[in-house]
PDB file of N, CA and C in Angstrom:
ATOM      1  N   LEU A   1       1.200   9.731 -13.764  1.00  0.00           N
ATOM      2  CA  LEU A   1       2.481  10.570 -13.132  1.00  0.00           C
ATOM      3  C   LEU A   1       1.766  11.931 -13.596  1.00  0.00           C
ATOM      4  N   LEU A   2       1.661  12.561 -12.453  1.00  0.00           N
ATOM      5  CA  LEU A   2       0.548  14.186 -12.486  1.00  0.00           C
ATOM      6  C   LEU A   2       1.985  15.176 -13.154  1.00  0.00           C
ATOM      7  N   ARG A   3       3.214  15.219 -12.653  1.00  0.00           N
ATOM      8  CA  ARG A   3       3.984  16.384 -12.873  1.00  0.00           C
ATOM      9  C   ARG A   3       5.332  15.789 -13.367  1.00  0.00           C
ATOM     10  N   ARG A   4       6.463  16.396 -13.874  1.00  0.00           N
ATOM     11  CA  ARG A   4       8.123  15.898 -13.974  1.00  0.00           C
ATOM     12  C   ARG A   4       8.301  14.543 -14.595  1.00  0.00           C
ATOM     13  N   ARG A   5       8.897  13.906 -14.233  1.00  0.00           N
ATOM     14  CA  ARG A   5       9.505  12.768 -14.952  1.00  0.00           C
ATOM     15  C   ARG A   5       9.298  11.322 -13.725  1.00  0.00           C
ATOM     16  N   LEU A   6       9.293  10.093 -14.614  1.00  0.00           N
ATOM     17  CA  LEU A   6       9.071   9.005 -13.844  1.00  0.00           C
ATOM     18  C   LEU A   6      10.015   8.827 -12.476  1.00  0.00           C
ATOM     19  N   ASP A   7      11.300   9.393 -12.893  1.00  0.00           N
ATOM     20  CA  ASP A   7      11.994   8.907 -11.319  1.00  0.00           C
ATOM     21  C   ASP A   7      12.181   9.750 -10.544  1.00  0.00           C
ATOM     22  N   SER A   8      11.211  10.961 -10.587  1.00  0.00           N
ATOM     23  CA  SER A   8      11.191  12.074  -9.494  1.00  0.00           C
ATOM     24  C   SER A   8      10.177  12.620  -9.980  1.00  0.00           C
ATOM     25  N   GLY A   9       8.765  11.921 -10.332  1.00  0.00           N
ATOM     26  CA  GLY A   9       7.846  13.053 -10.763  1.00  0.00           C
ATOM     27  C   GLY A   9       7.185  13.015  -9.660  1.00  0.00           C
ATOM     28  N   TRP A  10       5.666  13.726  -9.688  1.00  0.00           N
ATOM     29  CA  TRP A  10       4.510  13.094  -8.918  1.00  0.00           C
ATOM     30  C   TRP A  10       3.629  12.989  -9.367  1.00  0.00           C
ATOM     31  N   TRP A  11       3.150  11.396  -8.445  1.00  0.00           N
ATOM     32  CA  TRP A  11       2.406  10.059  -8.929  1.00  0.00           C
ATOM     33  C   TRP A  11       1.051  10.841  -8.119  1.00  0.00           C
ATOM     34  N   TYR A  12      -0.003   9.942  -9.015  1.00  0.00           N
ATOM     35  CA  TYR A  12      -1.392   9.987  -8.318  1.00  0.00           C
ATOM     36  C   TYR A  12      -1.599   9.582  -7.468  1.00  0.00           C
ATOM     37  N   LYS A  13      -0.811   8.506  -7.124  1.00  0.00           N
ATOM     38  CA  LYS A  13      -1.328   7.779  -5.774  1.00  0.00           C
ATOM     39  C   LYS A  13      -0.566   8.252  -4.659  1.00  0.00           C
ATOM     40  N   ARG A  14       0.705   8.327  -4.785  1.00  0.00           N
ATOM     41  CA  ARG A  14       0.606   9.286  -3.749  1.00  0.00           C
ATOM     42  C   ARG A  14       0.209  10.826  -3.530  1.00  0.00           C
ATOM     43  N   GLU A  15      -0.111  11.494  -4.532  1.00  0.00           N
ATOM     44  CA  GLU A  15      -0.859  12.791  -4.144  1.00  0.00           C
ATOM     45  C   GLU A  15      -1.889  12.235  -3.254  1.00  0.00           C
ATOM     46  N   LEU A  16      -2.408  11.390  -3.919  1.00  0.00           N
ATOM     47  CA  LEU A  16      -3.956  11.241  -2.976  1.00  0.00           C
ATOM     48  C   LEU A  16      -3.824  10.502  -1.706  1.00  0.00           C
ATOM     49  N   ARG A  17      -2.853  10.212  -1.320  1.00  0.00           N
ATOM     50  CA  ARG A  17      -2.531   8.954   0.151  1.00  0.00           C
ATOM     51  C   ARG A  17      -3.030   9.894   1.510  1.00  0.00           C
ATOM     52  N   GLN A  18      -2.779  11.043   1.133  1.00  0.00           N
ATOM     53  CA  GLN A  18      -3.548  11.496   2.441  1.00  0.00           C
ATOM     54  C   GLN A  18      -4.987  11.567   2.248  1.00  0.00           C
ATOM     55  N   HIS A  19      -5.522  11.337   1.077  1.00  0.00           N
ATOM     56  CA  HIS A  19      -6.800  11.410   1.614  1.00  0.00           C
ATOM     57  C   HIS A  19      -7.477   9.897   1.785  1.00  0.00           C
ATOM     58  N   TRP A  20      -6.921   9.203   1.936  1.00  0.00           N
ATOM     59  CA  TRP A  20      -6.801   7.383   2.228  1.00  0.00           C
ATOM     60  C   TRP A  20      -6.400   7.118   3.306  1.00  0.00           C
ATOM     61  N   GLY A  21      -6.232   7.693   4.197  1.00  0.00           N
ATOM     62  CA  GLY A  21      -5.186   8.015   5.623  1.00  0.00           C
ATOM     63  C   GLY A  21      -4.132   7.152   5.252  1.00  0.00           C
ATOM     64  N   GLY A  22      -3.308   7.064   4.103  1.00  0.00           N
ATOM     65  CA  GLY A  22      -1.896   6.707   4.283  1.00  0.00           C
ATOM     66  C   GLY A  22      -1.498   5.411   4.756  1.00  0.00           C
ATOM     67  N   SER A  23      -2.280   4.551   4.176  1.00  0.00           N
ATOM     68  CA  SER A  23      -2.839   3.110   4.504  1.00  0.00           C
ATOM     69  C   SER A  23      -1.799   2.329   3.737  1.00  0.00           C
ATOM     70  N   SER A  24      -1.151   1.758   3.295  1.00  0.00           N
ATOM     71  CA  SER A  24      -0.487   0.879   2.622  1.00  0.00           C
ATOM     72  C   SER A  24      -1.637  -0.233   2.256  1.00  0.00           C
ATOM     73  N   SER A  25      -2.921  -0.311   2.697  1.00  0.00           N
ATOM     74  CA  SER A  25      -3.542  -1.675   2.549  1.00  0.00           C
ATOM     75  C   SER A  25      -4.745  -1.049   1.416  1.00  0.00           C
ATOM     76  N   HIS A  26      -4.366   0.151   0.810  1.00  0.00           N
ATOM     77  CA  HIS A  26      -4.919   0.871  -0.225  1.00  0.00           C
ATOM     78  C   HIS A  26      -4.131   0.201  -1.370  1.00  0.00           C
ATOM     79  N   TRP A  27      -3.265   0.149  -1.701  1.00  0.00           N
ATOM     80  CA  TRP A  27      -2.373  -0.169  -2.114  1.00  0.00           C
ATOM     81  C   TRP A  27      -1.976  -1.426  -3.333  1.00  0.00           C
ATOM     82  N   LYS A  28      -2.674  -1.571  -4.653  1.00  0.00           N
ATOM     83  CA  LYS A  28      -2.659  -2.898  -5.239  1.00  0.00           C
ATOM     84  C   LYS A  28      -1.128  -3.647  -5.197  1.00  0.00           C
ATOM     85  N   THR A  29      -1.753  -4.927  -5.167  1.00  0.00           N
ATOM     86  CA  THR A  29      -0.196  -6.152  -5.110  1.00  0.00           C
ATOM     87  C   THR A  29      -0.370  -7.184  -6.119  1.00  0.00           C
ATOM     88  N   ASP A  30       0.883  -7.555  -6.909  1.00  0.00           N
ATOM     89  CA  ASP A  30       0.108  -8.795  -7.263  1.00  0.00           C
ATOM     90  C   ASP A  30       1.841  -9.573  -7.362  1.00  0.00           C
ATOM     91  N   SER A  31       1.671 -10.995  -7.636  1.00  0.00           N
ATOM     92  CA  SER A  31       2.706 -11.500  -8.396  1.00  0.00           C
ATOM     93  C   SER A  31       3.269 -11.668  -9.447  1.00  0.00           C
ATOM     94  N   ILE A  32       4.482 -11.569  -9.420  1.00  0.00           N
ATOM     95  CA  ILE A  32       5.402 -11.829 -10.584  1.00  0.00           C
ATOM     96  C   ILE A  32       5.928 -14.068 -10.270  1.00  0.00           C
ATOM     97  N   VAL A  33       5.327 -14.487 -11.509  1.00  0.00           N
ATOM     98  CA  VAL A  33       6.097 -15.515 -11.437  1.00  0.00           C
ATOM     99  C   VAL A  33       7.548 -15.355 -11.625  1.00  0.00           C
ATOM    100  N   ALA A  34       8.214 -16.825 -10.484  1.00  0.00           N
ATOM    101  CA  ALA A  34       9.104 -16.958 -10.383  1.00  0.00           C
ATOM    102  C   ALA A  34      10.140 -17.709 -11.432  1.00  0.00           C
ATOM    103  N   THR A  35       9.432 -17.674 -12.648  1.00  0.00           N
ATOM    104  CA  THR A  35      10.359 -18.556 -13.738  1.00  0.00           C
ATOM    105  C   THR A  35      10.585 -17.225 -14.987  1.00  0.00           C
ATOM    106  N   LEU A  36       9.967 -16.223 -14.106  1.00  0.00           N
ATOM    107  CA  LEU A  36      10.177 -14.900 -15.428  1.00  0.00           C
ATOM    108  C   LEU A  36      11.466 -14.717 -15.168  1.00  0.00           C
ATOM    109  N   LYS A  37      12.529 -14.682 -16.845  1.00  0.00           N
ATOM    110  CA  LYS A  37      13.905 -14.175 -17.050  1.00  0.00           C
ATOM    111  C   LYS A  37      13.803 -12.829 -16.641  1.00  0.00           C
ATOM    112  N   ALA A  38      15.152 -12.530 -16.052  1.00  0.00           N
ATOM    113  CA  ALA A  38      15.504 -10.917 -15.415  1.00  0.00           C
ATOM    114  C   ALA A  38      15.383 -10.590 -16.946  1.00  0.00           C
ATOM    115  N   GLY A  39      14.708  -8.930 -16.867  1.00  0.00           N
ATOM    116  CA  GLY A  39      14.841  -8.241 -18.604  1.00  0.00           C
ATOM    117  C   GLY A  39      14.123  -7.005 -18.701  1.00  0.00           C
ATOM    118  N   ASN A  40      14.048  -6.412 -19.007  1.00  0.00           N
ATOM    119  CA  ASN A  40      12.650  -5.080 -19.340  1.00  0.00           C
ATOM    120  C   ASN A  40      11.513  -5.398 -20.066  1.00  0.00           C
ATOM    121  N   TYR A  41      10.265  -5.517 -18.891  1.00  0.00           N
ATOM    122  CA  TYR A  41       9.431  -6.080 -19.616  1.00  0.00           C
ATOM    123  C   TYR A  41       8.078  -4.577 -19.806  1.00  0.00           C
ATOM    124  N   LEU A  42       7.055  -4.287 -20.447  1.00  0.00           N
ATOM    125  CA  LEU A  42       6.023  -3.576 -21.004  1.00  0.00           C
ATOM    126  C   LEU A  42       4.522  -4.443 -20.552  1.00  0.00           C
ATOM    127  N   MET A  43       3.868  -4.195 -19.077  1.00  0.00           N
ATOM    128  CA  MET A  43       3.008  -4.495 -18.964  1.00  0.00           C
ATOM    129  C   MET A  43       1.392  -3.669 -19.230  1.00  0.00           C
ATOM    130  N   ARG A  44       0.959  -4.186 -19.771  1.00  0.00           N
ATOM    131  CA  ARG A  44      -0.530  -3.331 -20.521  1.00  0.00           C
ATOM    132  C   ARG A  44      -1.540  -4.121 -19.535  1.00  0.00           C
ATOM    133  N   ASP A  45      -2.880  -2.885 -19.118  1.00  0.00           N
ATOM    134  CA  ASP A  45      -3.766  -3.494 -19.033  1.00  0.00           C
ATOM    135  C   ASP A  45      -4.615  -2.652 -19.462  1.00  0.00           C
ATOM    136  N   GLU A  46      -6.247  -2.972 -20.078  1.00  0.00           N
ATOM    137  CA  GLU A  46      -7.087  -2.171 -20.762  1.00  0.00           C
ATOM    138  C   GLU A  46      -8.226  -2.194 -19.864  1.00  0.00           C
ATOM    139  N   ILE A  47      -9.005  -0.932 -19.937  1.00  0.00           N
ATOM    140  CA  ILE A  47     -10.263  -0.983 -18.792  1.00  0.00           C
ATOM    141  C   ILE A  47     -11.487  -0.203 -20.272  1.00  0.00           C
ATOM    142  N   ILE A  48     -12.351  -1.036 -20.367  1.00  0.00           N
ATOM    143  CA  ILE A  48     -13.366  -0.499 -21.210  1.00  0.00           C
ATOM    144  C   ILE A  48     -14.144  -0.570 -20.554  1.00  0.00           C
ATOM    145  N   ALA A  49     -14.941   0.733 -20.892  1.00  0.00           N
ATOM    146  CA  ALA A  49     -16.185   1.565 -20.022  1.00  0.00           C
ATOM    147  C   ALA A  49     -17.275   1.566 -21.202  1.00  0.00           C
ATOM    148  N   LEU A  50     -18.399   0.834 -20.497  1.00  0.00           N
ATOM    149  CA  LEU A  50     -19.329   1.203 -21.314  1.00  0.00           C
ATOM    150  C   LEU A  50     -20.791   2.017 -21.246  1.00  0.00           C
ATOM    151  N   TYR A  51     -20.148   3.374 -21.087  1.00  0.00           N
ATOM    152  CA  TYR A  51     -21.442   4.687 -20.420  1.00  0.00           C
ATOM    153  C   TYR A  51     -22.481   4.644 -21.741  1.00  0.00           C
ATOM    154  N   SER A  52     -21.381   4.502 -22.864  1.00  0.00           N
ATOM    155  CA  SER A  52     -22.719   4.746 -23.696  1.00  0.00           C
ATOM    156  C   SER A  52     -23.387   3.419 -24.929  1.00  0.00           C
ATOM    157  N   GLU A  53     -24.521   3.052 -25.015  1.00  0.00           N
ATOM    158  CA  GLU A  53     -24.703   2.304 -26.147  1.00  0.00           C
ATOM    159  C   GLU A  53     -24.034   2.085 -27.279  1.00  0.00           C
ATOM    160  N   TYR A  54     -23.386   1.257 -27.589  1.00  0.00           N
ATOM    161  CA  TYR A  54     -22.327   0.676 -29.023  1.00  0.00           C
ATOM    162  C   TYR A  54     -21.749   1.694 -29.063  1.00  0.00           C
ATOM    163  N   LYS A  55     -21.124   2.517 -27.998  1.00  0.00           N
ATOM    164  CA  LYS A  55     -20.230   3.815 -27.825  1.00  0.00           C
ATOM    165  C   LYS A  55     -18.949   2.927 -26.662  1.00  0.00           C
ATOM    166  N   PRO A  56     -18.244   1.978 -26.903  1.00  0.00           N
ATOM    167  CA  PRO A  56     -17.548   1.330 -25.556  1.00  0.00           C
ATOM    168  C   PRO A  56     -16.144   2.429 -25.593  1.00  0.00           C
ATOM    169  N   GLN A  57     -15.163   2.905 -24.421  1.00  0.00           N
ATOM    170  CA  GLN A  57     -14.473   3.943 -24.690  1.00  0.00           C
ATOM    171  C   GLN A  57     -13.443   2.781 -24.082  1.00  0.00           C
ATOM    172  N   PHE A  58     -12.072   2.742 -24.591  1.00  0.00           N
ATOM    173  CA  PHE A  58     -11.077   2.426 -24.565  1.00  0.00           C
ATOM    174  C   PHE A  58      -9.861   3.126 -23.549  1.00  0.00           C
ATOM    175  N   TYR A  59      -9.342   2.628 -22.494  1.00  0.00           N
ATOM    176  CA  TYR A  59      -8.509   3.301 -21.961  1.00  0.00           C
ATOM    177  C   TYR A  59      -6.990   2.856 -21.294  1.00  0.00           C
ATOM    178  N   PRO A  60      -6.421   2.308 -22.319  1.00  0.00           N
ATOM    179  CA  PRO A  60      -5.462   1.164 -22.126  1.00  0.00           C
ATOM    180  C   PRO A  60      -4.651   1.882 -20.951  1.00  0.00           C
ATOM    181  N   GLU A  61      -3.958   1.367 -20.657  1.00  0.00           N
ATOM    182  CA  GLU A  61      -2.657   1.749 -18.979  1.00  0.00           C
ATOM    183  C   GLU A  61      -1.510   0.748 -19.328  1.00  0.00           C
ATOM    184  N   CYS A  62      -0.181   1.427 -19.446  1.00  0.00           N
ATOM    185  CA  CYS A  62       0.766   1.080 -19.176  1.00  0.00           C
ATOM    186  C   CYS A  62       2.572   0.900 -18.431  1.00  0.00           C
ATOM    187  N   VAL A  63       2.971   0.138 -17.891  1.00  0.00           N
ATOM    188  CA  VAL A  63       4.099   0.358 -16.890  1.00  0.00           C
ATOM    189  C   VAL A  63       5.194  -0.420 -17.842  1.00  0.00           C
ATOM    190  N   LYS A  64       6.080   0.221 -17.176  1.00  0.00           N
ATOM    191  CA  LYS A  64       7.181  -0.099 -17.397  1.00  0.00           C
ATOM    192  C   LYS A  64       7.631  -1.536 -16.444  1.00  0.00           C
ATOM    193  N   LEU A  65       8.250  -2.192 -16.289  1.00  0.00           N
ATOM    194  CA  LEU A  65       8.892  -3.169 -15.578  1.00  0.00           C
ATOM    195  C   LEU A  65      10.511  -3.671 -15.723  1.00  0.00           C
ATOM    196  N   GLU A  66      10.643  -3.575 -14.799  1.00  0.00           N
ATOM    197  CA  GLU A  66      12.593  -4.591 -14.702  1.00  0.00           C
ATOM    198  C   GLU A  66      12.639  -5.014 -13.820  1.00  0.00           C
ATOM    199  N   VAL A  67      12.622  -6.762 -14.245  1.00  0.00           N
ATOM    200  CA  VAL A  67      12.993  -8.074 -13.084  1.00  0.00           C
ATOM    201  C   VAL A  67      14.631  -8.194 -13.146  1.00  0.00           C
TER     202      VAL A  67
END
């Protein structure tokens, strides 16, 4: 999210889409298992950057899902 609110904000991917030709082939997709119960979930992903020796940098990302 670059500016404003979650429901009406300016999102990073949306802003840069013009630079990537606007093709949906650049979007990351994944599947959710069919047995997942309906409800609200918080999904977390984390990248660990190893730029400096013995000094890892952690970049956690979270997204709210409603199933």
